[in-house]
Structures are given as C-alpha cells and as structure tokens.
Protein backbone atom coordinates (compact mmCIF):
# COMPACT_ATOMS: atom_id res chain seq x y z
CA MET A 1 0.00 0.00 0.00
CA LEU A 2 1.05 3.59 -0.70
CA ILE A 3 0.11 6.24 1.85
CA LEU A 4 0.71 9.99 1.57
CA LYS A 5 0.30 11.92 4.83
CA ASP A 6 0.19 15.73 4.80
CA LEU A 7 2.67 15.68 1.93
CA SER A 8 3.95 19.08 0.80
CA LYS A 9 6.65 20.26 -1.57
CA SER A 10 7.96 23.76 -2.20
CA PHE A 11 10.87 25.16 -4.19
CA LEU A 12 13.05 28.24 -3.80
CA ILE A 13 12.45 30.95 -6.39
CA ASP A 14 15.62 32.02 -8.23
CA GLN A 15 17.86 31.28 -5.24
CA SER A 16 15.97 33.85 -3.17
CA GLU A 17 14.37 33.30 0.22
CA SER A 18 10.93 33.12 -1.37
CA ARG A 19 9.39 29.74 -2.03
CA ILE A 20 6.66 28.48 -4.32
CA ASP A 21 4.33 25.76 -3.07
CA VAL A 22 3.82 22.97 -5.61
CA LEU A 23 2.01 20.40 -3.45
CA ASN A 24 0.06 21.29 -0.33
CA SER A 25 -0.77 18.77 2.43
CA LEU A 26 -1.74 15.85 0.20
CA ASN A 27 -3.42 12.88 1.85
CA LEU A 28 -4.02 9.74 -0.17
CA SER A 29 -4.07 5.96 0.24
CA ILE A 30 -3.70 3.61 -2.73
CA GLU A 31 -4.27 -0.11 -2.29
CA THR A 32 -1.75 -2.59 -3.68
CA GLY A 33 -2.51 -3.59 -7.27
CA THR A 34 -4.64 -0.53 -8.05
CA THR A 35 -4.14 1.29 -11.36
CA VAL A 36 -4.29 5.07 -10.93
CA ALA A 37 -4.27 7.91 -13.46
CA LEU A 38 -3.09 11.38 -12.39
CA THR A 39 -4.48 14.27 -14.41
CA GLY A 40 -4.35 18.04 -14.15
CA PRO A 41 -2.98 21.09 -15.93
CA SER A 42 0.70 21.45 -16.77
CA GLY A 43 2.69 22.63 -13.77
CA SER A 44 0.16 21.35 -11.25
CA GLY A 45 2.67 19.03 -9.55
CA LYS A 46 1.92 15.65 -11.12
CA SER A 47 5.51 14.86 -12.09
CA THR A 48 6.76 16.31 -8.83
CA LEU A 49 4.53 13.87 -6.95
CA LEU A 50 6.01 10.92 -8.86
CA ASN A 51 9.51 12.19 -8.08
CA LEU A 52 8.66 12.40 -4.38
CA ILE A 53 7.20 8.89 -4.31
CA SER A 54 10.30 7.52 -6.04
CA GLY A 55 12.62 9.40 -3.69
CA ILE A 56 14.26 11.33 -6.52
CA GLU A 57 13.22 14.56 -4.78
CA ASP A 58 12.98 15.25 -1.06
CA VAL A 59 9.68 16.14 0.58
CA SER A 60 9.35 19.53 2.26
CA SER A 61 7.03 18.13 4.93
CA GLY A 62 4.79 15.16 5.54
CA SER A 63 5.50 11.50 4.84
CA ILE A 64 5.40 8.82 2.15
CA ILE A 65 4.81 5.25 3.31
CA ILE A 66 5.27 2.31 0.95
CA ASN A 67 4.65 -1.19 2.29
CA ASP A 68 4.90 0.10 5.88
CA GLN A 69 8.25 1.81 5.16
CA MET A 70 8.48 5.59 5.52
CA ILE A 71 10.77 6.26 2.59
CA ASN A 72 11.51 9.92 3.34
CA ARG A 73 13.28 8.77 6.52
CA LEU A 74 15.74 6.56 4.61
CA SER A 75 19.38 7.42 3.96
CA GLN A 76 20.47 7.75 0.33
CA ASN A 77 21.97 4.24 0.34
CA GLU A 78 18.85 2.78 1.93
CA LEU A 79 16.66 4.67 -0.53
CA CYS A 80 18.61 3.40 -3.57
CA LYS A 81 18.24 -0.17 -2.33
CA PHE A 82 14.54 0.30 -1.56
CA ARG A 83 13.90 1.84 -4.99
CA ASN A 84 15.65 -1.03 -6.79
CA GLN A 85 13.59 -3.58 -4.89
CA ASN A 86 10.19 -1.88 -4.84
CA ILE A 87 9.77 0.79 -7.53
CA GLY A 88 9.78 0.66 -11.33
CA MET A 89 9.85 3.84 -13.41
CA ILE A 90 8.72 4.52 -16.98
CA PHE A 91 9.55 7.79 -18.69
CA GLN A 92 8.17 9.62 -21.71
CA PHE A 93 11.54 9.51 -23.47
CA PHE A 94 12.26 5.84 -22.65
CA ASN A 95 15.76 6.36 -21.11
CA LEU A 96 17.04 3.18 -22.72
CA ILE A 97 20.74 2.51 -23.38
CA ASN A 98 20.92 2.49 -27.16
CA ASP A 99 24.20 0.56 -27.34
CA LEU A 100 22.54 -2.38 -25.59
CA THR A 101 20.08 -4.88 -27.03
CA VAL A 102 16.45 -5.29 -26.02
CA ILE A 103 17.43 -8.26 -23.84
CA GLU A 104 20.29 -6.35 -22.20
CA ASN A 105 18.18 -3.27 -21.45
CA ILE A 106 15.44 -5.32 -19.81
CA SER A 107 18.01 -7.34 -17.83
CA LEU A 108 19.75 -4.34 -16.24
CA PRO A 109 17.69 -4.05 -13.00
CA LEU A 110 18.19 -7.76 -12.29
CA LEU A 111 21.92 -7.58 -13.03
CA MET A 112 22.13 -4.74 -10.50
CA ARG A 113 20.65 -7.12 -7.94
CA GLY A 114 23.33 -9.70 -8.66
CA ILE A 115 20.89 -12.35 -9.86
CA ASN A 116 22.44 -15.19 -11.87
CA LYS A 117 22.17 -14.98 -15.64
CA LYS A 118 20.17 -18.19 -16.06
CA SER A 119 17.37 -16.87 -13.84
CA ILE A 120 17.53 -13.49 -15.54
CA MET A 121 17.16 -14.97 -19.02
CA LYS A 122 14.10 -16.99 -18.01
CA THR A 123 12.39 -13.91 -16.60
CA VAL A 124 13.40 -11.67 -19.52
CA ASP A 125 12.32 -14.22 -22.13
CA ASN A 126 8.84 -14.35 -20.64
CA LEU A 127 8.59 -10.54 -20.65
CA ILE A 128 9.80 -10.24 -24.23
CA ASP A 129 6.99 -12.56 -25.29
CA SER A 130 4.50 -10.54 -23.23
CA ILE A 131 5.45 -7.29 -24.98
CA GLY A 132 5.49 -8.96 -28.42
CA LEU A 133 9.12 -8.25 -29.32
CA ARG A 134 10.54 -11.75 -29.76
CA ASP A 135 11.76 -10.87 -33.27
CA ARG A 136 13.51 -7.75 -31.91
CA ALA A 137 15.19 -9.33 -28.87
CA SER A 138 18.75 -9.02 -30.23
CA TYR A 139 18.28 -5.54 -31.74
CA THR A 140 19.96 -2.56 -30.15
CA THR A 141 17.23 -0.20 -29.02
CA ASN A 142 18.22 2.62 -31.39
CA LEU A 143 16.82 0.42 -34.18
CA LEU A 144 13.34 0.23 -32.64
CA SER A 145 10.27 2.33 -33.38
CA GLY A 146 8.92 4.62 -30.65
CA GLY A 147 6.21 2.14 -29.70
CA GLU A 148 8.67 -0.76 -29.57
CA ALA A 149 11.11 1.25 -27.44
CA GLN A 150 8.38 2.13 -24.97
CA ARG A 151 7.45 -1.55 -24.66
CA VAL A 152 11.07 -2.29 -23.76
CA ALA A 153 10.96 0.49 -21.15
CA ILE A 154 7.81 -1.06 -19.66
CA ALA A 155 9.42 -4.50 -19.52
CA ARG A 156 12.54 -3.08 -17.88
CA ALA A 157 10.40 -1.38 -15.21
CA LEU A 158 8.42 -4.57 -14.53
CA VAL A 159 11.22 -7.13 -14.67
CA THR A 160 11.80 -6.98 -10.90
CA LYS A 161 8.06 -7.29 -10.19
CA PRO A 162 8.08 -4.05 -8.16
CA SER A 163 5.37 -3.04 -5.73
CA ILE A 164 4.82 0.25 -7.55
CA ILE A 165 5.21 1.38 -11.15
CA LEU A 166 5.49 5.16 -11.70
CA ALA A 167 4.88 6.29 -15.28
CA ASP A 168 5.27 9.91 -16.37
CA GLU A 169 3.30 10.42 -19.60
CA PRO A 170 4.79 7.26 -21.13
CA THR A 171 2.74 7.60 -24.33
CA GLY A 172 3.18 11.35 -24.82
CA ASN A 173 5.22 10.91 -28.02
CA LEU A 174 3.25 8.03 -29.53
CA ASP A 175 0.38 7.97 -32.00
CA LYS A 176 -3.14 6.91 -30.99
CA LYS A 177 -2.78 3.27 -32.03
CA ASN A 178 0.52 2.82 -30.23
CA THR A 179 -0.79 4.68 -27.18
CA THR A 180 -3.74 2.31 -26.76
CA ASN A 181 -1.52 -0.74 -27.31
CA ILE A 182 1.10 0.42 -24.82
CA ILE A 183 -1.42 1.24 -22.08
CA ASP A 184 -3.20 -2.09 -22.52
CA ILE A 185 0.12 -3.96 -22.19
CA LEU A 186 1.18 -1.87 -19.19
CA ILE A 187 -2.07 -2.35 -17.27
CA GLN A 188 -2.20 -6.07 -18.09
CA LEU A 189 1.35 -6.69 -16.86
CA CYS A 190 0.76 -4.64 -13.71
CA LYS A 191 -2.36 -6.68 -12.95
CA GLU A 192 -0.45 -9.94 -13.52
CA ASN A 193 2.34 -8.80 -11.19
CA LYS A 194 -0.09 -7.24 -8.68
CA SER A 195 1.89 -4.01 -9.02
CA THR A 196 0.34 -0.66 -8.20
CA LEU A 197 0.43 1.64 -11.25
CA ILE A 198 0.46 5.43 -10.92
CA MET A 199 0.54 7.16 -14.29
CA VAL A 200 0.54 10.83 -15.25
CA THR A 201 -1.44 11.52 -18.40
CA HIS A 202 -3.12 14.34 -20.30
CA ASP A 203 -5.06 11.89 -22.49
CA ASN A 204 -8.65 11.80 -21.20
CA ASP A 205 -9.47 8.95 -23.59
CA LEU A 206 -7.32 6.62 -21.46
CA LEU A 207 -8.93 7.32 -18.10
CA SER A 208 -11.61 4.64 -18.36
CA LYS A 209 -8.88 1.99 -18.43
CA PHE A 210 -7.76 2.80 -14.87
CA ASP A 211 -9.29 1.75 -11.57
CA LYS A 212 -9.11 5.30 -10.20
CA THR A 213 -8.41 8.81 -11.47
CA TYR A 214 -7.19 11.72 -9.36
CA THR A 215 -6.83 15.31 -10.52
CA ILE A 216 -4.09 17.54 -9.11
CA GLU A 217 -4.79 21.25 -9.28
CA SER A 218 -3.31 24.16 -7.33
CA GLY A 219 -1.25 21.73 -5.28
CA LYS A 220 -4.25 19.71 -4.10
CA ILE A 221 -5.77 16.35 -5.03
CA LEU A 222 -9.37 16.83 -6.15
C-alpha cells in the first residue's frame, strides 16, 4: 500500500528566500494492485509527486509510506536499495541505453541485484513474449520504433516485479494506435504482477482503463 500523509513540496524561487508551493498537504491511500491515473494542468505538480514517491526529490514536509516503510526517513543508500527492490519507473523519453540490445536493457535491473544470468534470461524471455518483441530481442534499441522502445521500457520497469510502477506520460510521443496498445500492455502486466500503477497523463481517452483517477490542481488532489 502507498500512503501519503500531509505531503507538501515547495521550491526556492531564483535562489531567493521566497518559495513556491507545488504540493500542499496531500493525503491519499492507494491499495496494492490498483491502477491510478493522475491528471491536471501542466505545472500542477503531477511529475513532482512521482519524483517524491520515487525518492528522486525530497519532501518539504509530511511522509510517504510504501509497504509500511516511511521512505523519506531513509538514507540515500537505503533509498537506492529500496527503490531497486520496490519501484519501477517509466519515462516519456524511454531512457534506454541504445548501445545495448532489447534483452540487455530489460536485464539491467536484475543484473544490478546480482541475480544469476540463467534466472535473468528466463524472466526476460517471458517478458519479451509478453510485450510482443521476440523478433527484436537481439536488436539494439536505437533500431526500434517509438512504440517498440516504450514496450522495452515497460518490460525493464516490470522485470523486478516491483510493488509500484510510476509512469510519467509514457505515451506522450506516440500515435493513438501505439498509445492504446502500450497502455493495454502496461495495465495487463501490472495486474499480472499485482503491481500498483500510478501514471501521469493528459489523455482523457485513457482514463476509463484505470481503476481510479485523481486530478491535481493548485497543489491539491481533487
């Protein structure tokens, strides 16, 4: 379960003493395995919220609890370990390593855990079939289409079977057909893994696919 308690985030303005509030005293509980869409105008704090949940940014006040662990109390080393074991991230621009193959990109999180290669290959093979890229498995990712690259990014995020998947507009650069295909694959794999999915999107046509939708506006969840 993910719990946000009185979560706030503010930033300094131009290195002055003034601050701008981005998120204000958010309170939210999300059950394990729930798929959630975050909507709201640009600059409302959606991406900031994902960064806080992942531990990429520090909270200004309040707490974030994931599986009974208050992550904003962890040291950097503890946070890195927790993130590797519990959180998968999917970005709009894929963030793949183009010199590596599809198999190698998907394998990276497991290699970082020190898992043996035989176990890794079994897991990765199953995922490659799930995302429909068996014929692209040995391609370097710079040779893939946008939709194919995003499928690889999804598989890489899910390969560790994390508790939470955070996706920041993962279909923002894809056409309508690819967008629908990618979201269907993402939600299906999250349901199979019983992973919580929290996805930022501006595409209202996708909202019906999610269990819940929350709108962030003026630093509040509506």
